[in-house]
Amino acid sequence: MKRFFGVAVLLIPLQLAAQGGGGNPDLALSQAERDSILASYHQIFPIWGRKAIERGFSLPAPLGFNIGGFYANQDIVITDLGVGFNAPAQPVDFITFQGAQAKLTNFNVRTDLWVFPFLNVYLMAGTGYGETTVHLAEPVAFSTVAEFKGSNFGFGLTGAFGIRRHFAVVDFNHQWGFSSLLKAPVPVNVLSMRYGKAFRVGPRHKRMRATAWIGTMFQSMKNETVGSINLADVIPPGTDSLFNGYQSSAWYQNLTPAQQALVDQFVQRIAGGLDTTVVNYTLHKKVADPWNLLIGGTYDWGRHWGLRAEVGFIGRKSFMLMGNYRVGL
């Protein structure tokens, strides 16, 4: 009853860095460079691109193709659990969770377009794998680990704004996480903000540049989850021994007759029916730390090739690395 949690963190925060421009003398186009670019400039996107170049902004090629990887490790809070063994789920409020952690590795692709010099839109898709560890505190204490596979699809908007020699980036994306363990995809929203600086690297004619930023990210996902899983995939060997003499314990005696019947069925199945038991579940979940901090940057070789990296910490821990290729349009 836990592998699906990692699907909800199939988050690929691939925000764009500002490209510098008129407010940064180190990156602003000279008058000769502006005249040279505008003499053969016939691009449709970004809209108002010609006006931006006239003001000295060095614009990236508008259409981008990106491929990369993402890793995340975060805590999940689980409440309102309901389970059923080869039957519809029913509430089991006598089960208490001590905590849960989800780890994810995701490989993804993205296509983006600068519609305006300050606005980028993108589509993303990915596939990944990971594991979720769940710790139970009551009625018995034990931990279990399960692996999962999942995929995601989403779209987003990025706004980039120049502030003197620096830039600010605000990004929002909406994604759906899919898994064979879930009856419906999990919707996820991610909002992030970054503040940084762009600067030139090496000789001017090579057009190499870099950016560095700090920022923060907020993540939210749908709370209610419905799914199913094979009992053998989530129960570690020897778990049935934890229930020796359970019918005489105080916690069992305090259960309702329906809850006692559910516990009896669970113990019987882990003692000999793991391979034939499917657990249907319902629950509410949320990210324990919806906010975290970010440090990242980019490095671009000329107009077409670039590399982006970012590290997340304090709360959710993450790492992202992505390569991109940009073309005119």
C-alpha atoms as a PDB file:
ATOM      1  CA  MET A   1       0.000   0.000   0.000  1.00  0.00           C
ATOM      2  CA  LYS A   2       2.821   2.364  -0.655  1.00  0.00           C
ATOM      3  CA  ARG A   3       4.707   2.020  -3.936  1.00  0.00           C
ATOM      4  CA  PHE A   4       2.414   4.519  -5.614  1.00  0.00           C
ATOM      5  CA  PHE A   5       3.540   7.423  -3.409  1.00  0.00           C
ATOM      6  CA  GLY A   6       6.655   7.965  -5.464  1.00  0.00           C
ATOM      7  CA  VAL A   7       4.588   8.514  -8.605  1.00  0.00           C
ATOM      8  CA  ALA A   8       3.259  11.701  -7.052  1.00  0.00           C
ATOM      9  CA  VAL A   9       6.756  13.171  -6.975  1.00  0.00           C
ATOM     10  CA  LEU A  10       7.446  12.678 -10.668  1.00  0.00           C
ATOM     11  CA  LEU A  11       8.331  16.269 -10.783  1.00  0.00           C
ATOM     12  CA  ILE A  12      10.708  17.637 -13.408  1.00  0.00           C
ATOM     13  CA  PRO A  13      11.356  21.309 -12.589  1.00  0.00           C
ATOM     14  CA  LEU A  14      13.177  22.385 -15.760  1.00  0.00           C
ATOM     15  CA  GLN A  15      12.818  26.143 -15.569  1.00  0.00           C
ATOM     16  CA  LEU A  16      14.561  28.393 -18.068  1.00  0.00           C
ATOM     17  CA  ALA A  17      17.201  30.923 -17.151  1.00  0.00           C
ATOM     18  CA  ALA A  18      17.057  34.447 -18.474  1.00  0.00           C
ATOM     19  CA  GLN A  19      19.423  35.171 -21.348  1.00  0.00           C
ATOM     20  CA  GLY A  20      20.655  38.548 -20.289  1.00  0.00           C
ATOM     21  CA  GLY A  21      20.206  41.660 -22.340  1.00  0.00           C
ATOM     22  CA  GLY A  22      20.034  45.393 -22.440  1.00  0.00           C
ATOM     23  CA  GLY A  23      20.282  45.813 -18.682  1.00  0.00           C
ATOM     24  CA  ASN A  24      23.553  43.875 -18.478  1.00  0.00           C
ATOM     25  CA  PRO A  25      26.486  45.556 -20.263  1.00  0.00           C
ATOM     26  CA  ASP A  26      28.423  42.285 -20.248  1.00  0.00           C
ATOM     27  CA  LEU A  27      25.752  40.586 -22.390  1.00  0.00           C
ATOM     28  CA  ALA A  28      24.086  43.449 -24.256  1.00  0.00           C
ATOM     29  CA  LEU A  29      24.459  43.437 -28.031  1.00  0.00           C
ATOM     30  CA  SER A  30      26.641  46.142 -29.537  1.00  0.00           C
ATOM     31  CA  GLN A  31      25.122  48.357 -32.219  1.00  0.00           C
ATOM     32  CA  ALA A  32      27.086  46.483 -34.881  1.00  0.00           C
ATOM     33  CA  GLU A  33      25.802  43.116 -33.574  1.00  0.00           C
ATOM     34  CA  ARG A  34      22.213  44.387 -33.545  1.00  0.00           C
ATOM     35  CA  ASP A  35      22.469  45.618 -37.144  1.00  0.00           C
ATOM     36  CA  SER A  36      24.011  42.321 -38.268  1.00  0.00           C
ATOM     37  CA  ILE A  37      21.289  40.187 -36.621  1.00  0.00           C
ATOM     38  CA  LEU A  38      18.379  42.363 -37.755  1.00  0.00           C
ATOM     39  CA  ALA A  39      19.605  42.412 -41.357  1.00  0.00           C
ATOM     40  CA  SER A  40      18.652  38.719 -41.725  1.00  0.00           C
ATOM     41  CA  TYR A  41      16.114  38.373 -38.913  1.00  0.00           C
ATOM     42  CA  HIS A  42      12.851  36.778 -40.142  1.00  0.00           C
ATOM     43  CA  GLN A  43      11.805  34.635 -37.151  1.00  0.00           C
ATOM     44  CA  ILE A  44       8.136  34.338 -36.199  1.00  0.00           C
ATOM     45  CA  PHE A  45       8.943  33.655 -32.546  1.00  0.00           C
ATOM     46  CA  PRO A  46       9.404  35.172 -30.169  1.00  0.00           C
ATOM     47  CA  ILE A  47       6.740  37.773 -30.882  1.00  0.00           C
ATOM     48  CA  TRP A  48       8.307  41.231 -30.423  1.00  0.00           C
ATOM     49  CA  GLY A  49      11.713  39.611 -30.844  1.00  0.00           C
ATOM     50  CA  ARG A  50      12.890  42.301 -33.268  1.00  0.00           C
ATOM     51  CA  LYS A  51      12.034  45.043 -30.772  1.00  0.00           C
ATOM     52  CA  ALA A  52      13.954  43.200 -28.036  1.00  0.00           C
ATOM     53  CA  ILE A  53      17.037  42.920 -30.266  1.00  0.00           C
ATOM     54  CA  GLU A  54      16.801  46.615 -31.114  1.00  0.00           C
ATOM     55  CA  ARG A  55      17.017  47.317 -27.377  1.00  0.00           C
ATOM     56  CA  GLY A  56      20.172  45.222 -27.089  1.00  0.00           C
ATOM     57  CA  PHE A  57      18.822  41.918 -25.809  1.00  0.00           C
ATOM     58  CA  SER A  58      20.595  38.763 -26.977  1.00  0.00           C
ATOM     59  CA  LEU A  59      17.712  36.316 -27.459  1.00  0.00           C
ATOM     60  CA  PRO A  60      18.021  32.522 -27.379  1.00  0.00           C
ATOM     61  CA  ALA A  61      16.833  30.478 -30.353  1.00  0.00           C
ATOM     62  CA  PRO A  62      13.088  30.164 -29.705  1.00  0.00           C
ATOM     63  CA  LEU A  63      12.480  26.406 -30.031  1.00  0.00           C
ATOM     64  CA  GLY A  64      14.191  24.033 -27.608  1.00  0.00           C
ATOM     65  CA  PHE A  65      14.520  20.253 -27.307  1.00  0.00           C
ATOM     66  CA  ASN A  66      15.597  19.009 -23.885  1.00  0.00           C
ATOM     67  CA  ILE A  67      16.540  15.643 -22.415  1.00  0.00           C
ATOM     68  CA  GLY A  68      17.722  14.875 -18.916  1.00  0.00           C
ATOM     69  CA  GLY A  69      17.295  13.190 -15.576  1.00  0.00           C
ATOM     70  CA  PHE A  70      15.872  14.061 -12.169  1.00  0.00           C
ATOM     71  CA  TYR A  71      16.277  12.549  -8.691  1.00  0.00           C
ATOM     72  CA  ALA A  72      14.158  13.394  -5.626  1.00  0.00           C
ATOM     73  CA  ASN A  73      13.929  12.204  -2.028  1.00  0.00           C
ATOM     74  CA  GLN A  74      11.153  13.515   0.201  1.00  0.00           C
ATOM     75  CA  ASP A  75       8.910  12.649   3.146  1.00  0.00           C
ATOM     76  CA  ILE A  76       5.204  11.862   2.671  1.00  0.00           C
ATOM     77  CA  VAL A  77       2.451  12.151   5.312  1.00  0.00           C
ATOM     78  CA  ILE A  78      -0.257   9.436   5.158  1.00  0.00           C
ATOM     79  CA  THR A  79      -3.669   9.663   6.861  1.00  0.00           C
ATOM     80  CA  ASP A  80      -7.225   8.278   6.615  1.00  0.00           C
ATOM     81  CA  LEU A  81      -6.192   4.811   5.468  1.00  0.00           C
ATOM     82  CA  GLY A  82      -8.741   2.298   4.274  1.00  0.00           C
ATOM     83  CA  VAL A  83      -7.930  -1.264   3.155  1.00  0.00           C
ATOM     84  CA  GLY A  84      -9.721  -4.331   1.876  1.00  0.00           C
ATOM     85  CA  PHE A  85      -8.294  -7.787   1.119  1.00  0.00           C
ATOM     86  CA  ASN A  86      -9.759  -8.945  -2.208  1.00  0.00           C
ATOM     87  CA  ALA A  87     -12.678  -6.683  -1.261  1.00  0.00           C
ATOM     88  CA  PRO A  88     -13.601  -2.970  -1.206  1.00  0.00           C
ATOM     89  CA  ALA A  89     -11.573  -0.830   1.186  1.00  0.00           C
ATOM     90  CA  GLN A  90     -12.952   0.085   4.608  1.00  0.00           C
ATOM     91  CA  PRO A  91     -11.539   2.511   7.234  1.00  0.00           C
ATOM     92  CA  VAL A  92      -8.742   1.208   9.491  1.00  0.00           C
ATOM     93  CA  ASP A  93      -8.142   4.100  11.862  1.00  0.00           C
ATOM     94  CA  PHE A  94      -6.342   1.799  14.311  1.00  0.00           C
ATOM     95  CA  ILE A  95      -3.287   1.796  12.018  1.00  0.00           C
ATOM     96  CA  THR A  96      -0.849   4.639  12.751  1.00  0.00           C
ATOM     97  CA  PHE A  97       1.992   5.665  10.454  1.00  0.00           C
ATOM     98  CA  GLN A  98       5.281   6.896  11.860  1.00  0.00           C
ATOM     99  CA  GLY A  99       6.385   8.270   8.512  1.00  0.00           C
ATOM    100  CA  ALA A 100       7.041   7.523   4.839  1.00  0.00           C
ATOM    101  CA  GLN A 101       9.804   8.457   2.410  1.00  0.00           C
ATOM    102  CA  ALA A 102       9.703   8.362  -1.382  1.00  0.00           C
ATOM    103  CA  LYS A 103      12.740   8.216  -3.668  1.00  0.00           C
ATOM    104  CA  LEU A 104      12.482   8.726  -7.392  1.00  0.00           C
ATOM    105  CA  THR A 105      14.705   8.621 -10.463  1.00  0.00           C
ATOM    106  CA  ASN A 106      13.064  10.054 -13.575  1.00  0.00           C
ATOM    107  CA  PHE A 107      14.219  10.401 -17.204  1.00  0.00           C
ATOM    108  CA  ASN A 108      12.366  12.985 -19.215  1.00  0.00           C
ATOM    109  CA  VAL A 109      12.097  15.003 -22.407  1.00  0.00           C
ATOM    110  CA  ARG A 110      10.693  18.455 -22.940  1.00  0.00           C
ATOM    111  CA  THR A 111       9.922  20.802 -25.844  1.00  0.00           C
ATOM    112  CA  ASP A 112       9.681  24.534 -25.180  1.00  0.00           C
ATOM    113  CA  LEU A 113       8.981  27.694 -27.163  1.00  0.00           C
ATOM    114  CA  TRP A 114       9.672  31.353 -26.383  1.00  0.00           C
ATOM    115  CA  VAL A 115       6.323  32.880 -27.411  1.00  0.00           C
ATOM    116  CA  PHE A 116       7.428  36.321 -26.227  1.00  0.00           C
ATOM    117  CA  PRO A 117      10.921  37.427 -25.166  1.00  0.00           C
ATOM    118  CA  PHE A 118       9.696  37.173 -21.558  1.00  0.00           C
ATOM    119  CA  LEU A 119       7.349  34.129 -21.775  1.00  0.00           C
ATOM    120  CA  ASN A 120       8.172  30.478 -22.467  1.00  0.00           C
ATOM    121  CA  VAL A 121       5.667  27.607 -22.780  1.00  0.00           C
ATOM    122  CA  TYR A 122       6.582  23.917 -22.692  1.00  0.00           C
ATOM    123  CA  LEU A 123       5.382  20.317 -22.738  1.00  0.00           C
ATOM    124  CA  MET A 124       7.104  17.555 -20.782  1.00  0.00           C
ATOM    125  CA  ALA A 125       6.942  13.778 -20.487  1.00  0.00           C
ATOM    126  CA  GLY A 126       8.961  11.251 -18.515  1.00  0.00           C
ATOM    127  CA  THR A 127       9.270   7.766 -17.142  1.00  0.00           C
ATOM    128  CA  GLY A 128      10.880   6.671 -13.923  1.00  0.00           C
ATOM    129  CA  TYR A 129      11.330   4.222 -11.106  1.00  0.00           C
ATOM    130  CA  GLY A 130      11.940   4.404  -7.389  1.00  0.00           C
ATOM    131  CA  GLU A 131      11.013   3.109  -3.991  1.00  0.00           C
ATOM    132  CA  THR A 132       8.842   4.100  -1.065  1.00  0.00           C
ATOM    133  CA  THR A 133       9.565   3.219   2.554  1.00  0.00           C
ATOM    134  CA  VAL A 134       6.652   3.180   4.993  1.00  0.00           C
ATOM    135  CA  HIS A 135       7.026   2.986   8.790  1.00  0.00           C
ATOM    136  CA  LEU A 136       4.122   1.694  10.890  1.00  0.00           C
ATOM    137  CA  ALA A 137       3.909   2.546  14.591  1.00  0.00           C
ATOM    138  CA  GLU A 138       0.653   0.792  15.598  1.00  0.00           C
ATOM    139  CA  PRO A 139      -0.706  -1.833  16.039  1.00  0.00           C
ATOM    140  CA  VAL A 140       2.765  -3.298  15.397  1.00  0.00           C
ATOM    141  CA  ALA A 141       5.991  -1.500  14.545  1.00  0.00           C
ATOM    142  CA  PHE A 142       7.724  -2.448  11.324  1.00  0.00           C
ATOM    143  CA  SER A 143       9.037  -0.874   8.117  1.00  0.00           C
ATOM    144  CA  THR A 144       8.654  -2.058   4.582  1.00  0.00           C
ATOM    145  CA  VAL A 145      10.074  -0.995   1.216  1.00  0.00           C
ATOM    146  CA  ALA A 146       8.462  -1.383  -2.191  1.00  0.00           C
ATOM    147  CA  GLU A 147       9.646  -0.503  -5.692  1.00  0.00           C
ATOM    148  CA  PHE A 148       7.488   1.195  -8.295  1.00  0.00           C
ATOM    149  CA  LYS A 149       7.469   2.334 -11.903  1.00  0.00           C
ATOM    150  CA  GLY A 150       5.590   5.298 -13.286  1.00  0.00           C
ATOM    151  CA  SER A 151       5.325   7.930 -15.986  1.00  0.00           C
ATOM    152  CA  ASN A 152       4.304  11.569 -16.187  1.00  0.00           C
ATOM    153  CA  PHE A 153       3.041  14.164 -18.629  1.00  0.00           C
ATOM    154  CA  GLY A 154       2.555  17.891 -18.155  1.00  0.00           C
ATOM    155  CA  PHE A 155       2.759  21.460 -19.398  1.00  0.00           C
ATOM    156  CA  GLY A 156       4.075  24.717 -17.988  1.00  0.00           C
ATOM    157  CA  LEU A 157       4.721  28.441 -18.313  1.00  0.00           C
ATOM    158  CA  THR A 158       7.902  30.343 -17.488  1.00  0.00           C
ATOM    159  CA  GLY A 159       8.226  34.106 -17.168  1.00  0.00           C
ATOM    160  CA  ALA A 160      11.732  35.654 -17.258  1.00  0.00           C
ATOM    161  CA  PHE A 161      12.370  39.278 -16.335  1.00  0.00           C
ATOM    162  CA  GLY A 162      15.560  41.346 -16.398  1.00  0.00           C
ATOM    163  CA  ILE A 163      16.418  43.380 -13.290  1.00  0.00           C
ATOM    164  CA  ARG A 164      19.440  45.577 -14.021  1.00  0.00           C
ATOM    165  CA  ARG A 165      22.352  43.080 -14.163  1.00  0.00           C
ATOM    166  CA  HIS A 166      20.230  40.238 -12.793  1.00  0.00           C
ATOM    167  CA  PHE A 167      17.109  38.253 -13.705  1.00  0.00           C
ATOM    168  CA  ALA A 168      14.047  36.786 -12.026  1.00  0.00           C
ATOM    169  CA  VAL A 169      12.274  33.640 -13.228  1.00  0.00           C
ATOM    170  CA  VAL A 170       8.786  32.472 -12.191  1.00  0.00           C
ATOM    171  CA  ASP A 171       7.657  29.030 -13.346  1.00  0.00           C
ATOM    172  CA  PHE A 172       4.419  27.054 -12.980  1.00  0.00           C
ATOM    173  CA  ASN A 173       3.737  23.576 -14.310  1.00  0.00           C
ATOM    174  CA  HIS A 174       0.907  21.077 -13.981  1.00  0.00           C
ATOM    175  CA  GLN A 175       1.584  17.367 -14.357  1.00  0.00           C
ATOM    176  CA  TRP A 176      -0.167  14.013 -14.133  1.00  0.00           C
ATOM    177  CA  GLY A 177       1.606  10.993 -12.633  1.00  0.00           C
ATOM    178  CA  PHE A 178       0.546   7.545 -13.881  1.00  0.00           C
ATOM    179  CA  SER A 179       1.044   4.114 -12.309  1.00  0.00           C
ATOM    180  CA  SER A 180      -0.426   0.622 -12.713  1.00  0.00           C
ATOM    181  CA  LEU A 181      -1.089   0.728  -8.950  1.00  0.00           C
ATOM    182  CA  LEU A 182      -3.484   3.671  -9.254  1.00  0.00           C
ATOM    183  CA  LYS A 183      -6.996   3.793 -10.622  1.00  0.00           C
ATOM    184  CA  ALA A 184      -6.510   7.398 -11.736  1.00  0.00           C
ATOM    185  CA  PRO A 185      -3.513   9.668 -12.455  1.00  0.00           C
ATOM    186  CA  VAL A 186      -2.250  11.915  -9.662  1.00  0.00           C
ATOM    187  CA  PRO A 187      -2.339  15.647 -10.536  1.00  0.00           C
ATOM    188  CA  VAL A 188       0.652  17.653  -9.288  1.00  0.00           C
ATOM    189  CA  ASN A 189       1.258  21.428  -9.301  1.00  0.00           C
ATOM    190  CA  VAL A 190       4.731  22.962  -9.011  1.00  0.00           C
ATOM    191  CA  LEU A 191       5.464  26.671  -8.514  1.00  0.00           C
ATOM    192  CA  SER A 192       9.058  27.917  -8.402  1.00  0.00           C
ATOM    193  CA  MET A 193      10.856  31.254  -8.279  1.00  0.00           C
ATOM    194  CA  ARG A 194      14.502  32.008  -9.004  1.00  0.00           C
ATOM    195  CA  TYR A 195      16.761  35.032  -8.807  1.00  0.00           C
ATOM    196  CA  GLY A 196      20.192  35.082 -10.421  1.00  0.00           C
ATOM    197  CA  LYS A 197      22.745  36.623 -12.731  1.00  0.00           C
ATOM    198  CA  ALA A 198      23.864  35.926 -16.307  1.00  0.00           C
ATOM    199  CA  PHE A 199      27.446  36.522 -17.435  1.00  0.00           C
ATOM    200  CA  ARG A 200      29.687  35.947 -20.426  1.00  0.00           C
ATOM    201  CA  VAL A 201      32.313  33.161 -20.465  1.00  0.00           C
ATOM    202  CA  GLY A 202      35.398  33.391 -22.686  1.00  0.00           C
ATOM    203  CA  PRO A 203      35.833  35.560 -25.814  1.00  0.00           C
ATOM    204  CA  ARG A 204      32.804  37.482 -27.029  1.00  0.00           C
ATOM    205  CA  HIS A 205      32.828  35.940 -30.493  1.00  0.00           C
ATOM    206  CA  LYS A 206      32.377  32.398 -29.102  1.00  0.00           C
ATOM    207  CA  ARG A 207      29.025  33.390 -27.552  1.00  0.00           C
ATOM    208  CA  MET A 208      29.508  31.248 -24.445  1.00  0.00           C
ATOM    209  CA  ARG A 209      27.611  32.328 -21.376  1.00  0.00           C
ATOM    210  CA  ALA A 210      26.457  31.037 -18.013  1.00  0.00           C
ATOM    211  CA  THR A 211      23.893  31.791 -15.350  1.00  0.00           C
ATOM    212  CA  ALA A 212      23.720  31.094 -11.614  1.00  0.00           C
ATOM    213  CA  TRP A 213      20.653  31.363  -9.374  1.00  0.00           C
ATOM    214  CA  ILE A 214      19.085  30.711  -6.016  1.00  0.00           C
ATOM    215  CA  GLY A 215      15.397  30.015  -5.598  1.00  0.00           C
ATOM    216  CA  THR A 216      12.565  28.166  -3.946  1.00  0.00           C
ATOM    217  CA  MET A 217       9.974  25.612  -5.067  1.00  0.00           C
ATOM    218  CA  PHE A 218       6.471  24.745  -3.863  1.00  0.00           C
ATOM    219  CA  GLN A 219       4.862  21.402  -4.673  1.00  0.00           C
ATOM    220  CA  SER A 220       1.285  20.254  -4.116  1.00  0.00           C
ATOM    221  CA  MET A 221      -0.560  17.125  -5.184  1.00  0.00           C
ATOM    222  CA  LYS A 222      -4.024  15.598  -4.947  1.00  0.00           C
ATOM    223  CA  ASN A 223      -4.656  14.320  -1.415  1.00  0.00           C
ATOM    224  CA  GLU A 224      -7.104  11.478  -2.022  1.00  0.00           C
ATOM    225  CA  THR A 225      -5.696   8.318  -3.612  1.00  0.00           C
ATOM    226  CA  VAL A 226      -7.402   5.072  -4.623  1.00  0.00           C
ATOM    227  CA  GLY A 227      -5.517   2.005  -5.830  1.00  0.00           C
ATOM    228  CA  SER A 228      -4.589  -1.636  -5.340  1.00  0.00           C
ATOM    229  CA  ILE A 229      -1.449  -3.684  -4.807  1.00  0.00           C
ATOM    230  CA  ASN A 230      -0.431  -7.307  -4.264  1.00  0.00           C
ATOM    231  CA  LEU A 231       0.027  -8.025  -0.562  1.00  0.00           C
ATOM    232  CA  ALA A 232       3.173 -10.048  -1.281  1.00  0.00           C
ATOM    233  CA  ASP A 233       4.833  -6.915  -2.671  1.00  0.00           C
ATOM    234  CA  VAL A 234       4.524  -4.884   0.525  1.00  0.00           C
ATOM    235  CA  ILE A 235       4.765  -7.355   3.410  1.00  0.00           C
ATOM    236  CA  PRO A 236       8.326  -8.320   4.449  1.00  0.00           C
ATOM    237  CA  PRO A 237       9.112 -11.950   5.406  1.00  0.00           C
ATOM    238  CA  GLY A 238       8.394 -12.848   9.029  1.00  0.00           C
ATOM    239  CA  THR A 239       5.750 -10.169   9.535  1.00  0.00           C
ATOM    240  CA  ASP A 240       3.203 -12.744  10.745  1.00  0.00           C
ATOM    241  CA  SER A 241       5.355 -13.393  13.848  1.00  0.00           C
ATOM    242  CA  LEU A 242       4.679  -9.811  14.983  1.00  0.00           C
ATOM    243  CA  PHE A 243       1.061 -10.809  15.586  1.00  0.00           C
ATOM    244  CA  ASN A 244       1.708 -13.756  17.940  1.00  0.00           C
ATOM    245  CA  GLY A 245      -0.963 -13.621  20.626  1.00  0.00           C
ATOM    246  CA  TYR A 246      -2.527 -10.515  19.101  1.00  0.00           C
ATOM    247  CA  GLN A 247      -6.127 -11.489  20.017  1.00  0.00           C
ATOM    248  CA  SER A 248      -5.356 -11.114  23.704  1.00  0.00           C
ATOM    249  CA  SER A 249      -3.711  -7.692  23.333  1.00  0.00           C
ATOM    250  CA  ALA A 250      -5.350  -4.485  24.561  1.00  0.00           C
ATOM    251  CA  TRP A 251      -5.383  -2.823  21.145  1.00  0.00           C
ATOM    252  CA  TYR A 252      -7.244  -5.777  19.600  1.00  0.00           C
ATOM    253  CA  GLN A 253      -9.841  -5.860  22.382  1.00  0.00           C
ATOM    254  CA  ASN A 254     -10.561  -2.156  21.809  1.00  0.00           C
ATOM    255  CA  LEU A 255     -11.421  -2.690  18.134  1.00  0.00           C
ATOM    256  CA  THR A 256     -14.952  -2.952  16.820  1.00  0.00           C
ATOM    257  CA  PRO A 257     -16.116  -6.412  15.663  1.00  0.00           C
ATOM    258  CA  ALA A 258     -15.725  -5.332  12.001  1.00  0.00           C
ATOM    259  CA  GLN A 259     -12.168  -4.111  12.643  1.00  0.00           C
ATOM    260  CA  GLN A 260     -11.296  -7.313  14.515  1.00  0.00           C
ATOM    261  CA  ALA A 261     -12.541  -9.339  11.553  1.00  0.00           C
ATOM    262  CA  LEU A 262     -10.349  -7.281   9.226  1.00  0.00           C
ATOM    263  CA  VAL A 263      -7.273  -7.843  11.409  1.00  0.00           C
ATOM    264  CA  ASP A 264      -8.025 -11.592  11.625  1.00  0.00           C
ATOM    265  CA  GLN A 265      -8.266 -11.748   7.838  1.00  0.00           C
ATOM    266  CA  PHE A 266      -4.983  -9.849   7.450  1.00  0.00           C
ATOM    267  CA  VAL A 267      -3.103 -12.168   9.836  1.00  0.00           C
ATOM    268  CA  GLN A 268      -4.482 -15.254   8.120  1.00  0.00           C
ATOM    269  CA  ARG A 269      -3.411 -14.002   4.716  1.00  0.00           C
ATOM    270  CA  ILE A 270       0.161 -13.048   5.665  1.00  0.00           C
ATOM    271  CA  ALA A 271       0.471 -16.498   7.225  1.00  0.00           C
ATOM    272  CA  GLY A 272      -0.362 -18.287   3.979  1.00  0.00           C
ATOM    273  CA  GLY A 273      -2.206 -16.270   1.354  1.00  0.00           C
ATOM    274  CA  LEU A 274       0.208 -13.582   0.197  1.00  0.00           C
ATOM    275  CA  ASP A 275       0.369 -14.734  -3.412  1.00  0.00           C
ATOM    276  CA  THR A 276      -3.409 -14.573  -3.899  1.00  0.00           C
ATOM    277  CA  THR A 277      -4.241 -11.425  -1.928  1.00  0.00           C
ATOM    278  CA  VAL A 278      -4.828  -8.032  -3.507  1.00  0.00           C
ATOM    279  CA  VAL A 279      -5.045  -5.041  -1.172  1.00  0.00           C
ATOM    280  CA  ASN A 280      -7.489  -2.367  -2.278  1.00  0.00           C
ATOM    281  CA  TYR A 281      -6.786   0.908  -0.506  1.00  0.00           C
ATOM    282  CA  THR A 282      -7.900   4.495  -0.083  1.00  0.00           C
ATOM    283  CA  LEU A 283      -5.960   7.189   1.770  1.00  0.00           C
ATOM    284  CA  HIS A 284      -5.005  10.846   1.984  1.00  0.00           C
ATOM    285  CA  LYS A 285      -1.433  11.901   1.444  1.00  0.00           C
ATOM    286  CA  LYS A 286       0.548  15.118   1.282  1.00  0.00           C
ATOM    287  CA  VAL A 287       4.133  16.236   0.960  1.00  0.00           C
ATOM    288  CA  ALA A 288       5.663  16.698   4.418  1.00  0.00           C
ATOM    289  CA  ASP A 289       7.760  19.673   3.236  1.00  0.00           C
ATOM    290  CA  PRO A 290       6.017  21.402   0.297  1.00  0.00           C
ATOM    291  CA  TRP A 291       8.743  24.096   0.088  1.00  0.00           C
ATOM    292  CA  ASN A 292      12.458  23.623  -0.512  1.00  0.00           C
ATOM    293  CA  LEU A 293      15.415  25.759  -1.577  1.00  0.00           C
ATOM    294  CA  LEU A 294      17.252  25.602  -4.924  1.00  0.00           C
ATOM    295  CA  ILE A 295      20.716  26.389  -6.268  1.00  0.00           C
ATOM    296  CA  GLY A 296      21.445  25.999  -9.954  1.00  0.00           C
ATOM    297  CA  GLY A 297      22.827  27.364 -13.182  1.00  0.00           C
ATOM    298  CA  THR A 298      23.294  26.942 -16.926  1.00  0.00           C
ATOM    299  CA  TYR A 299      26.191  26.866 -19.371  1.00  0.00           C
ATOM    300  CA  ASP A 300      25.596  27.598 -23.059  1.00  0.00           C
ATOM    301  CA  TRP A 301      27.938  26.900 -25.990  1.00  0.00           C
ATOM    302  CA  GLY A 302      26.967  29.331 -28.705  1.00  0.00           C
ATOM    303  CA  ARG A 303      23.387  29.707 -29.829  1.00  0.00           C
ATOM    304  CA  HIS A 304      22.336  26.050 -29.968  1.00  0.00           C
ATOM    305  CA  TRP A 305      23.785  23.873 -27.187  1.00  0.00           C
ATOM    306  CA  GLY A 306      23.358  24.210 -23.447  1.00  0.00           C
ATOM    307  CA  LEU A 307      23.516  22.380 -20.120  1.00  0.00           C
ATOM    308  CA  ARG A 308      21.391  23.000 -17.008  1.00  0.00           C
ATOM    309  CA  ALA A 309      21.855  21.688 -13.448  1.00  0.00           C
ATOM    310  CA  GLU A 310      20.045  22.310 -10.166  1.00  0.00           C
ATOM    311  CA  VAL A 311      20.188  21.009  -6.582  1.00  0.00           C
ATOM    312  CA  GLY A 312      17.296  21.132  -4.089  1.00  0.00           C
ATOM    313  CA  PHE A 313      17.745  20.942  -0.319  1.00  0.00           C
ATOM    314  CA  ILE A 314      16.140  21.746   3.074  1.00  0.00           C
ATOM    315  CA  GLY A 315      12.967  19.665   2.969  1.00  0.00           C
ATOM    316  CA  ARG A 316      12.828  17.897  -0.380  1.00  0.00           C
ATOM    317  CA  LYS A 317      16.254  16.840  -1.666  1.00  0.00           C
ATOM    318  CA  SER A 318      16.638  16.763  -5.435  1.00  0.00           C
ATOM    319  CA  PHE A 319      19.101  16.926  -8.304  1.00  0.00           C
ATOM    320  CA  MET A 320      18.407  17.733 -11.954  1.00  0.00           C
ATOM    321  CA  LEU A 321      20.708  17.615 -14.996  1.00  0.00           C
ATOM    322  CA  MET A 322      19.527  18.445 -18.507  1.00  0.00           C
ATOM    323  CA  GLY A 323      21.011  19.067 -21.932  1.00  0.00           C
ATOM    324  CA  ASN A 324      19.242  21.149 -24.560  1.00  0.00           C
ATOM    325  CA  TYR A 325      19.444  22.037 -28.237  1.00  0.00           C
ATOM    326  CA  ARG A 326      17.775  25.157 -29.620  1.00  0.00           C
ATOM    327  CA  VAL A 327      16.812  26.125 -33.174  1.00  0.00           C
ATOM    328  CA  GLY A 328      15.298  29.134 -34.921  1.00  0.00           C
ATOM    329  CA  LEU A 329      11.682  29.284 -35.985  1.00  0.00           C
END
